[in-house]
Amino acid sequence: MEIIVALFVIVLAVVLDFFWFDVDRKRWGWMKKWTKVQRAIFLTGLIFLTFLIYLGMSFY
């Protein structure tokens, strides 16, 4: 259950930052010429990598 909550928080933080908080495109502006598929692949990979780091740190 704890892992699901952590995954939800990570996904929510990335999605909110990408779509809502970064209105000036200062953090994610370097991706503006990418296609939607490329953005989806990148964000999915970022979320997956962040979750793997969380899992790795939780075992220590």
PDB file of N, CA and C in Angstrom:
ATOM      1  N   MET A   1       0.822  -1.198   0.000  1.00  0.00           N
ATOM      2  CA  MET A   1       0.000   0.000   0.000  1.00  0.00           C
ATOM      3  C   MET A   1       0.862   1.256   0.000  1.00  0.00           C
ATOM      4  N   GLU A   2       1.945   1.223   0.761  1.00  0.00           N
ATOM      5  CA  GLU A   2       2.826   2.377   0.837  1.00  0.00           C
ATOM      6  C   GLU A   2       3.469   2.673  -0.524  1.00  0.00           C
ATOM      7  N   ILE A   3       3.793   1.636  -1.274  1.00  0.00           N
ATOM      8  CA  ILE A   3       4.406   1.819  -2.586  1.00  0.00           C
ATOM      9  C   ILE A   3       3.417   2.457  -3.553  1.00  0.00           C
ATOM     10  N   ILE A   4       2.172   2.077  -3.473  1.00  0.00           N
ATOM     11  CA  ILE A   4       1.147   2.645  -4.353  1.00  0.00           C
ATOM     12  C   ILE A   4       0.958   4.135  -4.060  1.00  0.00           C
ATOM     13  N   VAL A   5       0.971   4.495  -2.798  1.00  0.00           N
ATOM     14  CA  VAL A   5       0.832   5.905  -2.420  1.00  0.00           C
ATOM     15  C   VAL A   5       2.029   6.701  -2.924  1.00  0.00           C
ATOM     16  N   ALA A   6       3.232   6.147  -2.785  1.00  0.00           N
ATOM     17  CA  ALA A   6       4.435   6.835  -3.259  1.00  0.00           C
ATOM     18  C   ALA A   6       4.390   7.005  -4.773  1.00  0.00           C
ATOM     19  N   LEU A   7       4.003   5.972  -5.484  1.00  0.00           N
ATOM     20  CA  LEU A   7       3.897   6.058  -6.937  1.00  0.00           C
ATOM     21  C   LEU A   7       2.863   7.106  -7.346  1.00  0.00           C
ATOM     22  N   PHE A   8       1.745   7.149  -6.663  1.00  0.00           N
ATOM     23  CA  PHE A   8       0.707   8.139  -6.954  1.00  0.00           C
ATOM     24  C   PHE A   8       1.221   9.558  -6.741  1.00  0.00           C
ATOM     25  N   VAL A   9       1.940   9.786  -5.658  1.00  0.00           N
ATOM     26  CA  VAL A   9       2.477  11.122  -5.363  1.00  0.00           C
ATOM     27  C   VAL A   9       3.494  11.529  -6.425  1.00  0.00           C
ATOM     28  N   ILE A  10       4.363  10.609  -6.835  1.00  0.00           N
ATOM     29  CA  ILE A  10       5.366  10.921  -7.856  1.00  0.00           C
ATOM     30  C   ILE A  10       4.699  11.261  -9.181  1.00  0.00           C
ATOM     31  N   VAL A  11       3.763  10.437  -9.606  1.00  0.00           N
ATOM     32  CA  VAL A  11       3.063  10.683 -10.875  1.00  0.00           C
ATOM     33  C   VAL A  11       2.300  12.005 -10.814  1.00  0.00           C
ATOM     34  N   LEU A  12       1.617  12.239  -9.735  1.00  0.00           N
ATOM     35  CA  LEU A  12       0.856  13.477  -9.584  1.00  0.00           C
ATOM     36  C   LEU A  12       1.762  14.706  -9.627  1.00  0.00           C
ATOM     37  N   ALA A  13       2.908  14.641  -8.961  1.00  0.00           N
ATOM     38  CA  ALA A  13       3.828  15.778  -8.943  1.00  0.00           C
ATOM     39  C   ALA A  13       4.363  16.086 -10.338  1.00  0.00           C
ATOM     40  N   VAL A  14       4.757  15.062 -11.081  1.00  0.00           N
ATOM     41  CA  VAL A  14       5.305  15.286 -12.424  1.00  0.00           C
ATOM     42  C   VAL A  14       4.224  15.812 -13.364  1.00  0.00           C
ATOM     43  N   VAL A  15       3.056  15.217 -13.325  1.00  0.00           N
ATOM     44  CA  VAL A  15       1.975  15.643 -14.222  1.00  0.00           C
ATOM     45  C   VAL A  15       1.518  17.065 -13.900  1.00  0.00           C
ATOM     46  N   LEU A  16       1.355  17.380 -12.631  1.00  0.00           N
ATOM     47  CA  LEU A  16       0.951  18.740 -12.266  1.00  0.00           C
ATOM     48  C   LEU A  16       2.005  19.760 -12.665  1.00  0.00           C
ATOM     49  N   ASP A  17       3.275  19.421 -12.460  1.00  0.00           N
ATOM     50  CA  ASP A  17       4.332  20.356 -12.836  1.00  0.00           C
ATOM     51  C   ASP A  17       4.360  20.564 -14.347  1.00  0.00           C
ATOM     52  N   PHE A  18       4.196  19.514 -15.104  1.00  0.00           N
ATOM     53  CA  PHE A  18       4.258  19.630 -16.563  1.00  0.00           C
ATOM     54  C   PHE A  18       3.077  20.399 -17.132  1.00  0.00           C
ATOM     55  N   PHE A  19       1.872  20.099 -16.661  1.00  0.00           N
ATOM     56  CA  PHE A  19       0.676  20.681 -17.270  1.00  0.00           C
ATOM     57  C   PHE A  19       0.156  21.950 -16.595  1.00  0.00           C
ATOM     58  N   TRP A  20       0.476  22.145 -15.313  1.00  0.00           N
ATOM     59  CA  TRP A  20      -0.185  23.233 -14.613  1.00  0.00           C
ATOM     60  C   TRP A  20       0.785  24.263 -14.047  1.00  0.00           C
ATOM     61  N   PHE A  21       1.790  23.840 -13.310  1.00  0.00           N
ATOM     62  CA  PHE A  21       2.666  24.793 -12.619  1.00  0.00           C
ATOM     63  C   PHE A  21       3.636  25.509 -13.551  1.00  0.00           C
ATOM     64  N   ASP A  22       4.072  24.865 -14.597  1.00  0.00           N
ATOM     65  CA  ASP A  22       5.069  25.446 -15.493  1.00  0.00           C
ATOM     66  C   ASP A  22       4.396  26.181 -16.647  1.00  0.00           C
ATOM     67  N   VAL A  23       3.698  27.262 -16.335  1.00  0.00           N
ATOM     68  CA  VAL A  23       2.957  27.986 -17.369  1.00  0.00           C
ATOM     69  C   VAL A  23       3.886  28.782 -18.293  1.00  0.00           C
ATOM     70  N   ASP A  24       5.070  29.164 -17.821  1.00  0.00           N
ATOM     71  CA  ASP A  24       6.004  29.935 -18.645  1.00  0.00           C
ATOM     72  C   ASP A  24       6.939  29.052 -19.461  1.00  0.00           C
ATOM     73  N   ARG A  25       6.823  27.746 -19.297  1.00  0.00           N
ATOM     74  CA  ARG A  25       7.656  26.765 -20.004  1.00  0.00           C
ATOM     75  C   ARG A  25       9.143  26.959 -19.721  1.00  0.00           C
ATOM     76  N   LYS A  26       9.475  27.333 -18.474  1.00  0.00           N
ATOM     77  CA  LYS A  26      10.883  27.519 -18.125  1.00  0.00           C
ATOM     78  C   LYS A  26      11.556  26.191 -17.796  1.00  0.00           C
ATOM     79  N   ARG A  27      10.837  25.270 -17.174  1.00  0.00           N
ATOM     80  CA  ARG A  27      11.438  23.978 -16.831  1.00  0.00           C
ATOM     81  C   ARG A  27      11.294  22.964 -17.953  1.00  0.00           C
ATOM     82  N   TRP A  28      10.183  22.976 -18.647  1.00  0.00           N
ATOM     83  CA  TRP A  28       9.923  21.968 -19.678  1.00  0.00           C
ATOM     84  C   TRP A  28       9.953  22.561 -21.086  1.00  0.00           C
ATOM     85  N   GLY A  29      10.371  23.791 -21.238  1.00  0.00           N
ATOM     86  CA  GLY A  29      10.370  24.460 -22.542  1.00  0.00           C
ATOM     87  C   GLY A  29      11.302  23.835 -23.561  1.00  0.00           C
ATOM     88  N   TRP A  30      12.331  23.160 -23.101  1.00  0.00           N
ATOM     89  CA  TRP A  30      13.275  22.528 -24.020  1.00  0.00           C
ATOM     90  C   TRP A  30      12.637  21.365 -24.775  1.00  0.00           C
ATOM     91  N   MET A  31      11.429  20.957 -24.380  1.00  0.00           N
ATOM     92  CA  MET A  31      10.733  19.861 -25.051  1.00  0.00           C
ATOM     93  C   MET A  31       9.645  20.363 -26.008  1.00  0.00           C
ATOM     94  N   LYS A  32       9.561  21.655 -26.258  1.00  0.00           N
ATOM     95  CA  LYS A  32       8.414  22.179 -26.998  1.00  0.00           C
ATOM     96  C   LYS A  32       8.363  21.735 -28.462  1.00  0.00           C
ATOM     97  N   LYS A  33       9.465  21.329 -29.043  1.00  0.00           N
ATOM     98  CA  LYS A  33       9.445  20.867 -30.435  1.00  0.00           C
ATOM     99  C   LYS A  33       9.267  19.360 -30.537  1.00  0.00           C
ATOM    100  N   TRP A  34       9.131  18.699 -29.414  1.00  0.00           N
ATOM    101  CA  TRP A  34       8.934  17.248 -29.406  1.00  0.00           C
ATOM    102  C   TRP A  34       7.485  16.921 -29.741  1.00  0.00           C
ATOM    103  N   THR A  35       7.270  15.735 -30.279  1.00  0.00           N
ATOM    104  CA  THR A  35       5.904  15.283 -30.539  1.00  0.00           C
ATOM    105  C   THR A  35       5.279  14.804 -29.233  1.00  0.00           C
ATOM    106  N   LYS A  36       3.983  14.598 -29.265  1.00  0.00           N
ATOM    107  CA  LYS A  36       3.290  14.126 -28.060  1.00  0.00           C
ATOM    108  C   LYS A  36       3.761  12.738 -27.647  1.00  0.00           C
ATOM    109  N   VAL A  37       4.087  11.912 -28.621  1.00  0.00           N
ATOM    110  CA  VAL A  37       4.572  10.563 -28.312  1.00  0.00           C
ATOM    111  C   VAL A  37       5.927  10.633 -27.618  1.00  0.00           C
ATOM    112  N   GLN A  38       6.812  11.487 -28.111  1.00  0.00           N
ATOM    113  CA  GLN A  38       8.123  11.642 -27.485  1.00  0.00           C
ATOM    114  C   GLN A  38       7.990  12.165 -26.055  1.00  0.00           C
ATOM    115  N   ARG A  39       7.097  13.114 -25.844  1.00  0.00           N
ATOM    116  CA  ARG A  39       6.878  13.640 -24.493  1.00  0.00           C
ATOM    117  C   ARG A  39       6.328  12.563 -23.569  1.00  0.00           C
ATOM    118  N   ALA A  40       5.387  11.779 -24.073  1.00  0.00           N
ATOM    119  CA  ALA A  40       4.798  10.716 -23.254  1.00  0.00           C
ATOM    120  C   ALA A  40       5.845   9.675 -22.879  1.00  0.00           C
ATOM    121  N   ILE A  41       6.694   9.309 -23.838  1.00  0.00           N
ATOM    122  CA  ILE A  41       7.749   8.345 -23.552  1.00  0.00           C
ATOM    123  C   ILE A  41       8.717   8.900 -22.516  1.00  0.00           C
ATOM    124  N   PHE A  42       9.098  10.150 -22.665  1.00  0.00           N
ATOM    125  CA  PHE A  42      10.023  10.768 -21.717  1.00  0.00           C
ATOM    126  C   PHE A  42       9.425  10.851 -20.322  1.00  0.00           C
ATOM    127  N   LEU A  43       8.191  11.326 -20.218  1.00  0.00           N
ATOM    128  CA  LEU A  43       7.561  11.464 -18.902  1.00  0.00           C
ATOM    129  C   LEU A  43       7.322  10.109 -18.256  1.00  0.00           C
ATOM    130  N   THR A  44       6.961   9.119 -19.037  1.00  0.00           N
ATOM    131  CA  THR A  44       6.795   7.768 -18.497  1.00  0.00           C
ATOM    132  C   THR A  44       8.125   7.235 -17.978  1.00  0.00           C
ATOM    133  N   GLY A  45       9.185   7.444 -18.731  1.00  0.00           N
ATOM    134  CA  GLY A  45      10.512   7.021 -18.291  1.00  0.00           C
ATOM    135  C   GLY A  45      10.959   7.751 -17.052  1.00  0.00           C
ATOM    136  N   LEU A  46      10.676   9.055 -16.983  1.00  0.00           N
ATOM    137  CA  LEU A  46      11.041   9.845 -15.808  1.00  0.00           C
ATOM    138  C   LEU A  46      10.307   9.349 -14.566  1.00  0.00           C
ATOM    139  N   ILE A  47       9.029   9.082 -14.706  1.00  0.00           N
ATOM    140  CA  ILE A  47       8.239   8.580 -13.584  1.00  0.00           C
ATOM    141  C   ILE A  47       8.741   7.201 -13.158  1.00  0.00           C
ATOM    142  N   PHE A  48       9.033   6.334 -14.128  1.00  0.00           N
ATOM    143  CA  PHE A  48       9.530   4.992 -13.827  1.00  0.00           C
ATOM    144  C   PHE A  48      10.883   5.052 -13.124  1.00  0.00           C
ATOM    145  N   LEU A  49      11.780   5.897 -13.612  1.00  0.00           N
ATOM    146  CA  LEU A  49      13.092   6.038 -13.001  1.00  0.00           C
ATOM    147  C   LEU A  49      12.989   6.598 -11.585  1.00  0.00           C
ATOM    148  N   THR A  50      12.141   7.569 -11.391  1.00  0.00           N
ATOM    149  CA  THR A  50      11.934   8.133 -10.061  1.00  0.00           C
ATOM    150  C   THR A  50      11.388   7.081  -9.110  1.00  0.00           C
ATOM    151  N   PHE A  51      10.486   6.262  -9.591  1.00  0.00           N
ATOM    152  CA  PHE A  51       9.921   5.200  -8.757  1.00  0.00           C
ATOM    153  C   PHE A  51      10.985   4.156  -8.418  1.00  0.00           C
ATOM    154  N   LEU A  52      11.838   3.821  -9.374  1.00  0.00           N
ATOM    155  CA  LEU A  52      12.919   2.876  -9.094  1.00  0.00           C
ATOM    156  C   LEU A  52      13.897   3.426  -8.053  1.00  0.00           C
ATOM    157  N   ILE A  53      14.195   4.707  -8.142  1.00  0.00           N
ATOM    158  CA  ILE A  53      15.062   5.330  -7.142  1.00  0.00           C
ATOM    159  C   ILE A  53      14.390   5.278  -5.777  1.00  0.00           C
ATOM    160  N   TYR A  54      13.109   5.555  -5.718  1.00  0.00           N
ATOM    161  CA  TYR A  54      12.376   5.485  -4.455  1.00  0.00           C
ATOM    162  C   TYR A  54      12.436   4.072  -3.879  1.00  0.00           C
ATOM    163  N   LEU A  55      12.211   3.079  -4.714  1.00  0.00           N
ATOM    164  CA  LEU A  55      12.264   1.693  -4.242  1.00  0.00           C
ATOM    165  C   LEU A  55      13.668   1.336  -3.763  1.00  0.00           C
ATOM    166  N   GLY A  56      14.667   1.737  -4.496  1.00  0.00           N
ATOM    167  CA  GLY A  56      16.039   1.442  -4.102  1.00  0.00           C
ATOM    168  C   GLY A  56      16.414   2.069  -2.791  1.00  0.00           C
ATOM    169  N   MET A  57      15.974   3.287  -2.570  1.00  0.00           N
ATOM    170  CA  MET A  57      16.301   3.974  -1.308  1.00  0.00           C
ATOM    171  C   MET A  57      15.481   3.435  -0.148  1.00  0.00           C
ATOM    172  N   SER A  58      14.328   2.870  -0.405  1.00  0.00           N
ATOM    173  CA  SER A  58      13.501   2.381   0.688  1.00  0.00           C
ATOM    174  C   SER A  58      14.011   1.060   1.250  1.00  0.00           C
ATOM    175  N   PHE A  59      14.872   0.362   0.502  1.00  0.00           N
ATOM    176  CA  PHE A  59      15.406  -0.894   0.991  1.00  0.00           C
ATOM    177  C   PHE A  59      16.608  -0.699   1.915  1.00  0.00           C
ATOM    178  N   TYR A  60      17.152   0.493   2.013  1.00  0.00           N
ATOM    179  CA  TYR A  60      18.303   0.740   2.889  1.00  0.00           C
ATOM    180  C   TYR A  60      17.892   1.312   4.189  1.00  0.00           C
TER     181      TYR A  60
END
